Amino acid sequence: MSFPVPTAPIAMGIQEFQELVDRVERYMAQVEKNVQRLFDNCNRAVLLLPGFLAEEIPPRLERLRDLTRRLFMEMIKVTANPGWPPAILSASDDWTSRVGGPVSGLAARLTPDQMRSDNKWEGAAADAYAEMLPTQKAAVEGIKQMTDVLGSSLTKIGWGIIALWAGLAIATAAFVAELVAEVGAAATVVGAPPAAGAAALSTAKVVALVGATITAFLTYVALTADSLSTMRQKLAGHEAYPGGAWPRSTTSDIEDGSLSDGDGTDWRLKL
């Protein structure tokens, strides 16, 4: 199972996601209700059916009880911490539009042809200033790379959570439909033994599906976390940030902002 990320933005607001979560919770409430009805119908059938048929029901109900318990334990893993994609997707947009965009524009201006100082001034200090532009540009571009990875990772995680809940909604909806049919069959008394067995099979199927969906999501998040870890390691060892700090000029020439102290580093107007 994969968690595809939309290639174009799709609105998923607070109300839409909350409705998705509420839908799954409603389905799980229906599961609990229908399982109880199935038990009631089967227990009544045990009293009415011949012994050789009635004895088939208890072990099947026991298996159904165990599987239902497993299902709810799997669902608790998600419902206890459902995530909040609207906030995650909003943060992704902020990193891209409020940080990445402006930084990208700044990097484009950190070139000799975009700076005005060397158009009118010359001298050792002016040269040192111009020579520092490439390292400053590389450092700024490193920030842009970071915001790109952060924005992309947050978007993937946000849509991964949405895909997880959508998958759970589909799985539990189908399970409820099967349970309703099995409850009806158990109400006929003679259909109780096969209904109990069918309900156990349906539950086993949805337990496996829910477990696979959660596992796929966790794997997906782990892969996304790996990309963030790789980014962090790259930044830590990035030559654009010597010693893990913002680059500074290694010459003292740029520190001399005087015009005429006669030390050879004066800033001079170009003729």
Protein backbone atom coordinates (compact mmCIF):
# COMPACT_ATOMS: atom_id res chain seq x y z
CA MET A 1 0.00 0.00 0.00
CA SER A 2 1.37 3.42 -0.96
CA PHE A 3 0.51 6.95 0.05
CA PRO A 4 0.62 9.08 -3.12
CA VAL A 5 1.04 12.82 -2.72
CA PRO A 6 -1.13 14.99 -5.01
CA THR A 7 0.86 16.72 -7.76
CA ALA A 8 -1.36 19.80 -7.37
CA PRO A 9 -2.68 21.36 -4.18
CA ILE A 10 -6.02 19.96 -3.03
CA ALA A 11 -7.92 21.66 -0.25
CA MET A 12 -8.17 19.69 2.97
CA GLY A 13 -9.38 22.03 5.64
CA ILE A 14 -10.11 21.52 9.30
CA GLN A 15 -13.75 20.63 8.73
CA GLU A 16 -13.02 18.11 5.96
CA PHE A 17 -10.39 16.23 7.94
CA GLN A 18 -12.45 16.25 11.14
CA GLU A 19 -15.35 14.77 9.18
CA LEU A 20 -13.07 11.99 7.93
CA VAL A 21 -11.97 11.17 11.48
CA ASP A 22 -15.56 11.34 12.76
CA ARG A 23 -16.68 9.00 9.99
CA VAL A 24 -14.20 6.33 11.07
CA GLU A 25 -15.27 6.72 14.69
CA ARG A 26 -18.93 6.34 13.68
CA TYR A 27 -18.10 3.18 11.76
CA MET A 28 -16.27 1.76 14.77
CA ALA A 29 -19.29 2.53 16.97
CA GLN A 30 -21.43 0.62 14.46
CA VAL A 31 -18.95 -2.25 14.58
CA GLU A 32 -19.29 -2.49 18.35
CA LYS A 33 -23.09 -2.30 18.13
CA ASN A 34 -23.40 -4.95 15.43
CA VAL A 35 -20.94 -7.34 17.05
CA GLN A 36 -23.04 -7.19 20.20
CA ARG A 37 -26.21 -7.85 18.18
CA LEU A 38 -24.50 -10.80 16.52
CA PHE A 39 -23.56 -12.25 19.91
CA ASP A 40 -27.12 -11.77 21.14
CA ASN A 41 -28.61 -13.49 18.08
CA CYS A 42 -26.11 -16.37 18.24
CA ASN A 43 -26.58 -16.92 21.98
CA ARG A 44 -30.33 -17.08 21.44
CA ALA A 45 -29.81 -19.56 18.61
CA VAL A 46 -27.73 -21.80 20.91
CA LEU A 47 -30.86 -22.32 23.03
CA LEU A 48 -33.03 -23.19 20.06
CA LEU A 49 -30.81 -25.27 17.77
CA PRO A 50 -30.09 -28.99 18.06
CA GLY A 51 -26.96 -29.76 20.06
CA PHE A 52 -24.79 -30.75 17.09
CA LEU A 53 -25.45 -27.32 15.51
CA ALA A 54 -25.47 -25.29 18.71
CA GLU A 55 -22.02 -26.56 19.74
CA GLU A 56 -20.46 -24.97 16.65
CA ILE A 57 -21.38 -21.48 17.77
CA PRO A 58 -19.41 -20.85 21.04
CA PRO A 59 -15.89 -21.47 19.62
CA ARG A 60 -16.70 -19.26 16.63
CA LEU A 61 -17.94 -16.48 18.92
CA GLU A 62 -14.81 -16.84 21.04
CA ARG A 63 -12.64 -16.33 17.97
CA LEU A 64 -14.79 -13.38 16.94
CA ARG A 65 -14.35 -11.84 20.40
CA ASP A 66 -10.57 -12.17 20.21
CA LEU A 67 -10.40 -10.72 16.72
CA THR A 68 -12.68 -7.83 17.63
CA ARG A 69 -10.43 -7.03 20.58
CA ARG A 70 -7.42 -7.01 18.23
CA LEU A 71 -9.24 -4.70 15.84
CA PHE A 72 -9.96 -2.14 18.53
CA MET A 73 -6.38 -2.34 19.78
CA GLU A 74 -5.12 -1.59 16.27
CA MET A 75 -7.52 1.31 15.90
CA ILE A 76 -6.45 2.81 19.23
CA LYS A 77 -2.97 3.26 17.76
CA VAL A 78 -4.47 5.82 15.39
CA THR A 79 -7.43 7.29 17.24
CA ALA A 80 -5.28 8.10 20.29
CA ASN A 81 -3.13 10.36 18.11
CA PRO A 82 -4.96 11.11 14.86
CA GLY A 83 -2.56 13.79 13.63
CA TRP A 84 -3.61 17.13 12.21
CA PRO A 85 -2.89 17.49 8.47
CA PRO A 86 -4.40 21.00 8.13
CA ALA A 87 -1.70 22.38 10.45
CA ILE A 88 1.05 20.30 8.84
CA LEU A 89 0.09 21.37 5.30
CA SER A 90 -0.16 24.99 6.46
CA ALA A 91 3.35 24.77 7.93
CA SER A 92 4.59 23.30 4.66
CA ASP A 93 3.11 26.21 2.75
CA ASP A 94 4.68 28.69 5.19
CA TRP A 95 8.15 27.20 4.78
CA THR A 96 7.79 27.38 1.02
CA SER A 97 6.14 30.77 0.58
CA ARG A 98 7.38 32.73 3.60
CA VAL A 99 10.93 31.41 3.81
CA GLY A 100 11.90 29.55 0.64
CA GLY A 101 10.49 32.14 -1.75
CA PRO A 102 12.12 35.22 -0.18
CA VAL A 103 15.43 33.38 0.32
CA SER A 104 15.43 32.31 -3.32
CA GLY A 105 14.96 35.92 -4.34
CA LEU A 106 17.83 36.99 -2.06
CA ALA A 107 20.17 34.37 -3.53
CA ALA A 108 19.45 35.68 -7.02
CA ARG A 109 20.63 39.14 -5.95
CA LEU A 110 23.90 37.96 -4.41
CA THR A 111 25.91 38.28 -7.61
CA PRO A 112 28.40 40.97 -8.67
CA ASP A 113 26.13 42.30 -11.41
CA GLN A 114 23.29 42.77 -8.88
CA MET A 115 25.37 44.59 -6.24
CA ARG A 116 25.92 48.35 -6.50
CA SER A 117 28.98 48.77 -4.28
CA ASP A 118 31.47 47.60 -6.88
CA ASN A 119 29.90 49.83 -9.50
CA LYS A 120 31.13 52.99 -7.76
CA TRP A 121 33.89 51.89 -5.39
CA GLU A 122 37.23 50.14 -5.72
CA GLY A 123 40.14 49.15 -3.51
CA ALA A 124 41.26 46.17 -1.41
CA ALA A 125 38.24 46.39 0.88
CA ALA A 126 35.90 46.65 -2.07
CA ASP A 127 37.56 43.60 -3.64
CA ALA A 128 37.23 41.62 -0.40
CA TYR A 129 33.56 42.55 -0.25
CA ALA A 130 32.98 41.32 -3.80
CA GLU A 131 34.95 38.11 -3.21
CA MET A 132 32.69 37.28 -0.26
CA LEU A 133 29.56 37.17 -2.44
CA PRO A 134 29.97 33.56 -3.67
CA THR A 135 30.19 32.16 -0.11
CA GLN A 136 27.21 34.23 1.01
CA LYS A 137 25.23 33.09 -2.02
CA ALA A 138 26.10 29.42 -1.32
CA ALA A 139 24.99 29.80 2.31
CA VAL A 140 21.69 31.37 1.31
CA GLU A 141 21.10 28.67 -1.31
CA GLY A 142 21.69 26.08 1.44
CA ILE A 143 18.76 27.57 3.35
CA LYS A 144 16.62 27.32 0.21
CA GLN A 145 17.55 23.64 -0.11
CA MET A 146 16.53 23.11 3.51
CA THR A 147 13.14 24.80 3.05
CA ASP A 148 12.51 22.73 -0.08
CA VAL A 149 13.12 19.48 1.83
CA LEU A 150 11.10 20.64 4.84
CA GLY A 151 8.18 21.80 2.71
CA SER A 152 8.16 18.59 0.68
CA SER A 153 8.48 16.36 3.75
CA LEU A 154 5.70 18.14 5.62
CA THR A 155 3.44 17.88 2.58
CA LYS A 156 4.12 14.16 2.27
CA ILE A 157 3.43 13.55 5.95
CA GLY A 158 0.24 15.64 5.88
CA TRP A 159 -1.17 13.78 2.90
CA GLY A 160 0.08 10.48 4.32
CA ILE A 161 -2.09 11.04 7.41
CA ILE A 162 -5.07 11.86 5.20
CA ALA A 163 -4.48 8.72 3.13
CA LEU A 164 -4.24 6.68 6.33
CA TRP A 165 -7.61 7.88 7.58
CA ALA A 166 -9.20 7.49 4.15
CA GLY A 167 -7.97 3.89 4.03
CA LEU A 168 -9.37 3.21 7.51
CA ALA A 169 -12.71 4.74 6.51
CA ILE A 170 -12.97 2.46 3.47
CA ALA A 171 -11.96 -0.64 5.43
CA THR A 172 -14.33 -0.04 8.35
CA ALA A 173 -17.24 0.92 6.09
CA ALA A 174 -16.94 -2.37 4.20
CA PHE A 175 -16.64 -4.26 7.49
CA VAL A 176 -19.82 -2.69 8.87
CA ALA A 177 -21.71 -3.68 5.72
CA GLU A 178 -20.57 -7.30 6.11
CA LEU A 179 -21.45 -7.34 9.80
CA VAL A 180 -24.97 -6.07 9.13
CA ALA A 181 -25.54 -8.95 6.70
CA GLU A 182 -24.13 -11.47 9.19
CA VAL A 183 -26.30 -10.10 12.01
CA GLY A 184 -29.33 -10.58 9.79
CA ALA A 185 -28.31 -14.15 8.99
CA ALA A 186 -27.79 -14.95 12.68
CA ALA A 187 -31.29 -13.66 13.46
CA THR A 188 -32.77 -16.52 11.43
CA VAL A 189 -31.47 -18.98 14.08
CA VAL A 190 -30.52 -21.66 11.54
CA GLY A 191 -28.12 -19.18 9.96
CA ALA A 192 -26.38 -18.45 13.27
CA PRO A 193 -23.53 -21.01 13.01
CA PRO A 194 -22.36 -19.91 9.54
CA ALA A 195 -22.97 -16.26 10.44
CA ALA A 196 -20.68 -16.55 13.48
CA GLY A 197 -17.97 -18.11 11.33
CA ALA A 198 -18.41 -15.54 8.57
CA ALA A 199 -18.23 -12.69 11.08
CA ALA A 200 -14.94 -14.06 12.42
CA LEU A 201 -13.55 -14.23 8.88
CA SER A 202 -14.72 -10.68 8.14
CA THR A 203 -13.09 -9.45 11.32
CA ALA A 204 -9.83 -11.25 10.59
CA LYS A 205 -9.81 -9.65 7.15
CA VAL A 206 -10.35 -6.11 8.45
CA VAL A 207 -7.77 -6.62 11.24
CA ALA A 208 -5.20 -7.57 8.61
CA LEU A 209 -6.20 -4.64 6.39
CA VAL A 210 -6.07 -2.09 9.19
CA GLY A 211 -2.73 -3.46 10.39
CA ALA A 212 -1.30 -3.30 6.87
CA THR A 213 -2.56 0.28 6.42
CA ILE A 214 -0.96 1.43 9.66
CA THR A 215 2.30 -0.37 8.88
CA ALA A 216 2.41 1.18 5.41
CA PHE A 217 1.91 4.62 6.92
CA LEU A 218 4.65 4.13 9.51
CA THR A 219 7.03 2.93 6.79
CA TYR A 220 6.12 5.93 4.67
CA VAL A 221 6.81 8.32 7.56
CA ALA A 222 10.12 6.59 8.30
CA LEU A 223 11.25 7.13 4.70
CA THR A 224 10.28 10.78 4.93
CA ALA A 225 12.17 11.10 8.23
CA ASP A 226 15.24 9.61 6.53
CA SER A 227 15.20 12.42 3.98
CA LEU A 228 15.10 14.96 6.82
CA SER A 229 18.00 13.21 8.54
CA THR A 230 19.97 13.25 5.31
CA MET A 231 19.29 16.96 4.95
CA ARG A 232 20.45 17.61 8.53
CA GLN A 233 23.69 15.68 7.94
CA LYS A 234 24.27 17.50 4.69
CA LEU A 235 23.84 20.87 6.36
CA ALA A 236 26.12 19.88 9.24
CA GLY A 237 28.90 18.97 6.83
CA HIS A 238 28.07 21.57 4.18
CA GLU A 239 31.12 23.46 2.97
CA ALA A 240 28.93 26.55 2.75
CA TYR A 241 28.84 26.67 6.58
CA PRO A 242 32.45 26.28 7.76
CA GLY A 243 32.56 25.10 11.34
CA GLY A 244 28.78 24.87 11.35
CA ALA A 245 28.45 28.66 11.26
CA TRP A 246 27.50 31.32 8.76
CA PRO A 247 30.48 32.11 6.48
CA ARG A 248 32.54 35.20 7.19
CA SER A 249 35.33 36.85 5.27
CA THR A 250 38.77 35.52 6.19
CA THR A 251 40.51 38.78 5.34
CA SER A 252 40.71 41.86 7.50
CA ASP A 253 40.58 44.13 4.46
CA ILE A 254 36.81 44.31 4.56
CA GLU A 255 36.97 45.64 8.12
CA ASP A 256 38.54 48.87 6.94
CA GLY A 257 35.75 51.17 5.88
CA SER A 258 37.91 54.27 5.74
CA LEU A 259 38.31 56.44 2.70
CA SER A 260 41.72 57.98 3.20
CA ASP A 261 43.76 56.65 6.10
CA GLY A 262 46.54 55.72 3.69
CA ASP A 263 46.90 52.08 4.62
CA GLY A 264 46.31 50.70 1.14
CA THR A 265 42.84 49.33 1.83
CA ASP A 266 40.96 52.57 1.28
CA TRP A 267 37.64 52.57 -0.54
CA ARG A 268 38.01 54.77 -3.61
CA LEU A 269 35.45 56.12 -6.01
CA LYS A 270 35.84 54.65 -9.47
CA LEU A 271 36.78 57.19 -12.07
